Amino acid sequence: MRQDPWNLQELLGPVVEALGYELLGIEFQGGAHHGVLRLYIDSPNGITLDDCEQVSHQVSGVLDVEDPVPGRFSLEVSSPGLDRPLFAPEHFERFCGHKAKLRLERPLDGQRNFSGVLNGLRDGHLLLQLEDGTECEFDLADIEKARLVPEI
């Protein structure tokens, strides 16, 4: 999975956990002039708008004091939603048997986007059963983005 260049997980994780939530992961999108810093939080009871506001208020204070991210950005705090992003090895294990889509940092045999059923991890590699029944193995470090596919 993509590395956190500013160690935000380490900086903000304890702040979010102290409020009673789990910091699932962090995404940064945008350019040098203005970006969006998005935190995904969760709890056993789910996430409400009030939860997001509470975390946003606390995290904003830490970001203002520590100033770890260069340039201007907007902060967003979000629930994982139905198409839950997967950031850590334990997320892939927890949702074993669920359908997911993933995007690789670099093409593999000319392809960057894959979808299939999560079959767990083996030695730091994700096992994904594709729709044609083929099982592929991906190094977690090569995955740019991964999300569950909502089953409706």
C-alpha atoms as a PDB file:
ATOM      1  CA  MET A   1       0.000   0.000   0.000  1.00  0.00           C
ATOM      2  CA  ARG A   2       1.050   3.563  -0.611  1.00  0.00           C
ATOM      3  CA  GLN A   3       3.292   5.011   2.072  1.00  0.00           C
ATOM      4  CA  ASP A   4       2.323   7.935   4.314  1.00  0.00           C
ATOM      5  CA  PRO A   5       5.078  10.509   3.567  1.00  0.00           C
ATOM      6  CA  TRP A   6       4.190  12.745   6.510  1.00  0.00           C
ATOM      7  CA  ASN A   7       3.627   9.973   9.112  1.00  0.00           C
ATOM      8  CA  LEU A   8       0.088  11.246   9.618  1.00  0.00           C
ATOM      9  CA  GLN A   9      -1.193   7.840  10.734  1.00  0.00           C
ATOM     10  CA  GLU A  10       1.333   7.941  13.570  1.00  0.00           C
ATOM     11  CA  LEU A  11       0.547  11.578  14.418  1.00  0.00           C
ATOM     12  CA  LEU A  12      -3.261  11.463  14.149  1.00  0.00           C
ATOM     13  CA  GLY A  13      -4.019   7.850  15.094  1.00  0.00           C
ATOM     14  CA  PRO A  14      -3.707   8.463  18.862  1.00  0.00           C
ATOM     15  CA  VAL A  15      -5.875  11.616  18.603  1.00  0.00           C
ATOM     16  CA  VAL A  16      -8.664   9.734  16.814  1.00  0.00           C
ATOM     17  CA  GLU A  17      -8.396   6.704  19.128  1.00  0.00           C
ATOM     18  CA  ALA A  18      -8.579   8.927  22.211  1.00  0.00           C
ATOM     19  CA  LEU A  19     -11.991  10.054  20.954  1.00  0.00           C
ATOM     20  CA  GLY A  20     -13.126   6.425  20.748  1.00  0.00           C
ATOM     21  CA  TYR A  21     -12.756   5.858  17.000  1.00  0.00           C
ATOM     22  CA  GLU A  22     -10.492   3.831  14.745  1.00  0.00           C
ATOM     23  CA  LEU A  23      -8.449   5.682  12.122  1.00  0.00           C
ATOM     24  CA  LEU A  24      -8.776   3.313   9.159  1.00  0.00           C
ATOM     25  CA  GLY A  25      -6.541   5.257   6.816  1.00  0.00           C
ATOM     26  CA  ILE A  26      -5.623   8.547   5.233  1.00  0.00           C
ATOM     27  CA  GLU A  27      -5.701   9.722   1.626  1.00  0.00           C
ATOM     28  CA  PHE A  28      -4.235  12.871   0.143  1.00  0.00           C
ATOM     29  CA  GLN A  29      -5.453  14.020  -3.260  1.00  0.00           C
ATOM     30  CA  GLY A  30      -4.504  17.091  -5.180  1.00  0.00           C
ATOM     31  CA  GLY A  31      -1.550  19.132  -6.188  1.00  0.00           C
ATOM     32  CA  ALA A  32       1.000  21.365  -4.566  1.00  0.00           C
ATOM     33  CA  HIS A  33      -1.269  24.428  -4.410  1.00  0.00           C
ATOM     34  CA  HIS A  34      -4.371  22.896  -2.859  1.00  0.00           C
ATOM     35  CA  GLY A  35      -5.285  19.351  -1.923  1.00  0.00           C
ATOM     36  CA  VAL A  36      -7.737  17.318   0.098  1.00  0.00           C
ATOM     37  CA  LEU A  37      -6.618  15.391   3.158  1.00  0.00           C
ATOM     38  CA  ARG A  38      -9.239  12.711   3.855  1.00  0.00           C
ATOM     39  CA  LEU A  39      -9.371  10.654   7.038  1.00  0.00           C
ATOM     40  CA  TYR A  40     -11.538   7.545   7.237  1.00  0.00           C
ATOM     41  CA  ILE A  41     -12.790   6.690  10.710  1.00  0.00           C
ATOM     42  CA  ASP A  42     -14.916   3.865  12.068  1.00  0.00           C
ATOM     43  CA  SER A  43     -16.398   2.556  15.297  1.00  0.00           C
ATOM     44  CA  PRO A  44     -18.404  -0.516  16.295  1.00  0.00           C
ATOM     45  CA  ASN A  45     -21.541   1.688  16.397  1.00  0.00           C
ATOM     46  CA  GLY A  46     -20.941   3.200  12.953  1.00  0.00           C
ATOM     47  CA  ILE A  47     -20.142   6.824  12.185  1.00  0.00           C
ATOM     48  CA  THR A  48     -22.444   9.842  12.267  1.00  0.00           C
ATOM     49  CA  LEU A  49     -21.967  13.377  11.006  1.00  0.00           C
ATOM     50  CA  ASP A  50     -21.420  14.489  14.626  1.00  0.00           C
ATOM     51  CA  ASP A  51     -18.598  11.933  14.941  1.00  0.00           C
ATOM     52  CA  CYS A  52     -16.924  13.329  11.823  1.00  0.00           C
ATOM     53  CA  GLU A  53     -17.261  16.893  13.112  1.00  0.00           C
ATOM     54  CA  GLN A  54     -15.777  15.966  16.484  1.00  0.00           C
ATOM     55  CA  VAL A  55     -12.764  14.249  14.903  1.00  0.00           C
ATOM     56  CA  SER A  56     -12.328  17.061  12.379  1.00  0.00           C
ATOM     57  CA  HIS A  57     -12.215  19.663  15.167  1.00  0.00           C
ATOM     58  CA  GLN A  58      -9.578  17.740  17.166  1.00  0.00           C
ATOM     59  CA  VAL A  59      -7.460  16.802  14.143  1.00  0.00           C
ATOM     60  CA  SER A  60      -7.540  20.375  12.785  1.00  0.00           C
ATOM     61  CA  GLY A  61      -6.006  21.602  16.027  1.00  0.00           C
ATOM     62  CA  VAL A  62      -3.189  19.058  15.833  1.00  0.00           C
ATOM     63  CA  LEU A  63      -2.525  19.837  12.167  1.00  0.00           C
ATOM     64  CA  ASP A  64      -2.438  23.585  12.910  1.00  0.00           C
ATOM     65  CA  VAL A  65       0.134  23.111  15.679  1.00  0.00           C
ATOM     66  CA  GLU A  66       2.304  20.405  14.078  1.00  0.00           C
ATOM     67  CA  ASP A  67       1.961  21.639  10.454  1.00  0.00           C
ATOM     68  CA  PRO A  68       3.131  18.309   8.917  1.00  0.00           C
ATOM     69  CA  VAL A  69       1.586  18.791   5.455  1.00  0.00           C
ATOM     70  CA  PRO A  70       3.148  21.403   3.170  1.00  0.00           C
ATOM     71  CA  GLY A  71       0.890  23.770   1.262  1.00  0.00           C
ATOM     72  CA  ARG A  72      -2.835  24.405   1.508  1.00  0.00           C
ATOM     73  CA  PHE A  73      -5.383  21.644   1.860  1.00  0.00           C
ATOM     74  CA  SER A  74      -8.927  20.964   2.988  1.00  0.00           C
ATOM     75  CA  LEU A  75      -9.554  18.401   5.704  1.00  0.00           C
ATOM     76  CA  GLU A  76     -12.346  15.865   5.284  1.00  0.00           C
ATOM     77  CA  VAL A  77     -13.322  13.242   7.839  1.00  0.00           C
ATOM     78  CA  SER A  78     -15.473  10.433   6.521  1.00  0.00           C
ATOM     79  CA  SER A  79     -17.025   7.105   7.381  1.00  0.00           C
ATOM     80  CA  PRO A  80     -15.756   4.202   5.274  1.00  0.00           C
ATOM     81  CA  GLY A  81     -19.107   3.881   3.466  1.00  0.00           C
ATOM     82  CA  LEU A  82     -20.324   0.862   1.531  1.00  0.00           C
ATOM     83  CA  ASP A  83     -17.317   0.924  -0.794  1.00  0.00           C
ATOM     84  CA  ARG A  84     -14.970   0.812   2.187  1.00  0.00           C
ATOM     85  CA  PRO A  85     -11.329   1.593   1.397  1.00  0.00           C
ATOM     86  CA  LEU A  86      -8.791  -1.012   2.451  1.00  0.00           C
ATOM     87  CA  PHE A  87      -5.514   0.364   3.766  1.00  0.00           C
ATOM     88  CA  ALA A  88      -3.799  -2.199   5.992  1.00  0.00           C
ATOM     89  CA  PRO A  89      -3.104  -5.937   5.819  1.00  0.00           C
ATOM     90  CA  GLU A  90      -5.639  -6.562   8.589  1.00  0.00           C
ATOM     91  CA  HIS A  91      -8.344  -4.902   6.450  1.00  0.00           C
ATOM     92  CA  PHE A  92      -7.730  -7.397   3.634  1.00  0.00           C
ATOM     93  CA  GLU A  93      -7.865 -10.289   6.092  1.00  0.00           C
ATOM     94  CA  ARG A  94     -10.996  -8.981   7.817  1.00  0.00           C
ATOM     95  CA  PHE A  95     -12.906  -8.801   4.535  1.00  0.00           C
ATOM     96  CA  CYS A  96     -11.699 -12.102   3.120  1.00  0.00           C
ATOM     97  CA  GLY A  97     -14.500 -13.542   0.955  1.00  0.00           C
ATOM     98  CA  HIS A  98     -15.780 -10.099  -0.086  1.00  0.00           C
ATOM     99  CA  LYS A  99     -15.508  -8.628  -3.573  1.00  0.00           C
ATOM    100  CA  ALA A 100     -13.017  -5.798  -4.019  1.00  0.00           C
ATOM    101  CA  LYS A 101     -11.515  -3.557  -6.684  1.00  0.00           C
ATOM    102  CA  LEU A 102      -7.882  -2.573  -6.630  1.00  0.00           C
ATOM    103  CA  ARG A 103      -5.596  -0.306  -8.600  1.00  0.00           C
ATOM    104  CA  LEU A 104      -1.876  -0.972  -8.858  1.00  0.00           C
ATOM    105  CA  GLU A 105       0.869   1.655  -8.760  1.00  0.00           C
ATOM    106  CA  ARG A 106       2.284   0.244 -12.012  1.00  0.00           C
ATOM    107  CA  PRO A 107       0.689  -1.960 -14.681  1.00  0.00           C
ATOM    108  CA  LEU A 108       0.989  -5.718 -14.387  1.00  0.00           C
ATOM    109  CA  ASP A 109       0.881  -7.316 -17.842  1.00  0.00           C
ATOM    110  CA  GLY A 110      -0.523  -4.024 -19.166  1.00  0.00           C
ATOM    111  CA  GLN A 111      -3.302  -3.796 -16.563  1.00  0.00           C
ATOM    112  CA  ARG A 112      -3.608  -1.622 -13.434  1.00  0.00           C
ATOM    113  CA  ASN A 113      -7.229  -2.271 -12.376  1.00  0.00           C
ATOM    114  CA  PHE A 114      -8.401  -5.618 -11.028  1.00  0.00           C
ATOM    115  CA  SER A 115     -11.536  -6.876  -9.321  1.00  0.00           C
ATOM    116  CA  GLY A 116     -12.400 -10.134  -7.642  1.00  0.00           C
ATOM    117  CA  VAL A 117     -12.909 -11.870  -4.318  1.00  0.00           C
ATOM    118  CA  LEU A 118     -10.380 -11.348  -1.521  1.00  0.00           C
ATOM    119  CA  ASN A 119      -8.798 -14.711  -0.663  1.00  0.00           C
ATOM    120  CA  GLY A 120      -6.558 -13.512   2.174  1.00  0.00           C
ATOM    121  CA  LEU A 121      -2.858 -12.828   2.483  1.00  0.00           C
ATOM    122  CA  ARG A 122       0.236 -14.965   2.047  1.00  0.00           C
ATOM    123  CA  ASP A 123       3.708 -13.646   2.878  1.00  0.00           C
ATOM    124  CA  GLY A 124       2.735  -9.998   2.377  1.00  0.00           C
ATOM    125  CA  HIS A 125       0.871 -10.699  -0.833  1.00  0.00           C
ATOM    126  CA  LEU A 126      -2.840 -10.300  -1.461  1.00  0.00           C
ATOM    127  CA  LEU A 127      -4.617 -13.257  -3.038  1.00  0.00           C
ATOM    128  CA  LEU A 128      -7.462 -12.178  -5.306  1.00  0.00           C
ATOM    129  CA  GLN A 129      -9.716 -14.577  -7.182  1.00  0.00           C
ATOM    130  CA  LEU A 130     -10.676 -12.928 -10.445  1.00  0.00           C
ATOM    131  CA  GLU A 131     -14.101 -13.287 -12.034  1.00  0.00           C
ATOM    132  CA  ASP A 132     -12.774 -15.945 -14.452  1.00  0.00           C
ATOM    133  CA  GLY A 133     -11.711 -18.087 -11.470  1.00  0.00           C
ATOM    134  CA  THR A 134      -7.992 -17.330 -11.775  1.00  0.00           C
ATOM    135  CA  GLU A 135      -6.228 -16.493  -8.513  1.00  0.00           C
ATOM    136  CA  CYS A 136      -3.733 -13.624  -8.734  1.00  0.00           C
ATOM    137  CA  GLU A 137      -1.170 -12.593  -6.166  1.00  0.00           C
ATOM    138  CA  PHE A 138      -0.295  -8.926  -5.595  1.00  0.00           C
ATOM    139  CA  ASP A 139       2.418  -7.468  -3.388  1.00  0.00           C
ATOM    140  CA  LEU A 140       0.697  -5.101  -0.942  1.00  0.00           C
ATOM    141  CA  ALA A 141       3.382  -2.487  -1.651  1.00  0.00           C
ATOM    142  CA  ASP A 142       2.260  -2.406  -5.304  1.00  0.00           C
ATOM    143  CA  ILE A 143      -1.378  -1.569  -4.506  1.00  0.00           C
ATOM    144  CA  GLU A 144      -2.201   2.123  -4.960  1.00  0.00           C
ATOM    145  CA  LYS A 145      -5.847   1.889  -3.895  1.00  0.00           C
ATOM    146  CA  ALA A 146      -8.250  -0.867  -2.840  1.00  0.00           C
ATOM    147  CA  ARG A 147     -11.983  -0.726  -2.054  1.00  0.00           C
ATOM    148  CA  LEU A 148     -14.745  -3.163  -1.315  1.00  0.00           C
ATOM    149  CA  VAL A 149     -17.455  -3.528  -3.939  1.00  0.00           C
ATOM    150  CA  PRO A 150     -20.860  -2.925  -2.315  1.00  0.00           C
ATOM    151  CA  GLU A 151     -23.150  -5.948  -2.450  1.00  0.00           C
ATOM    152  CA  ILE A 152     -26.673  -4.652  -2.816  1.00  0.00           C
END
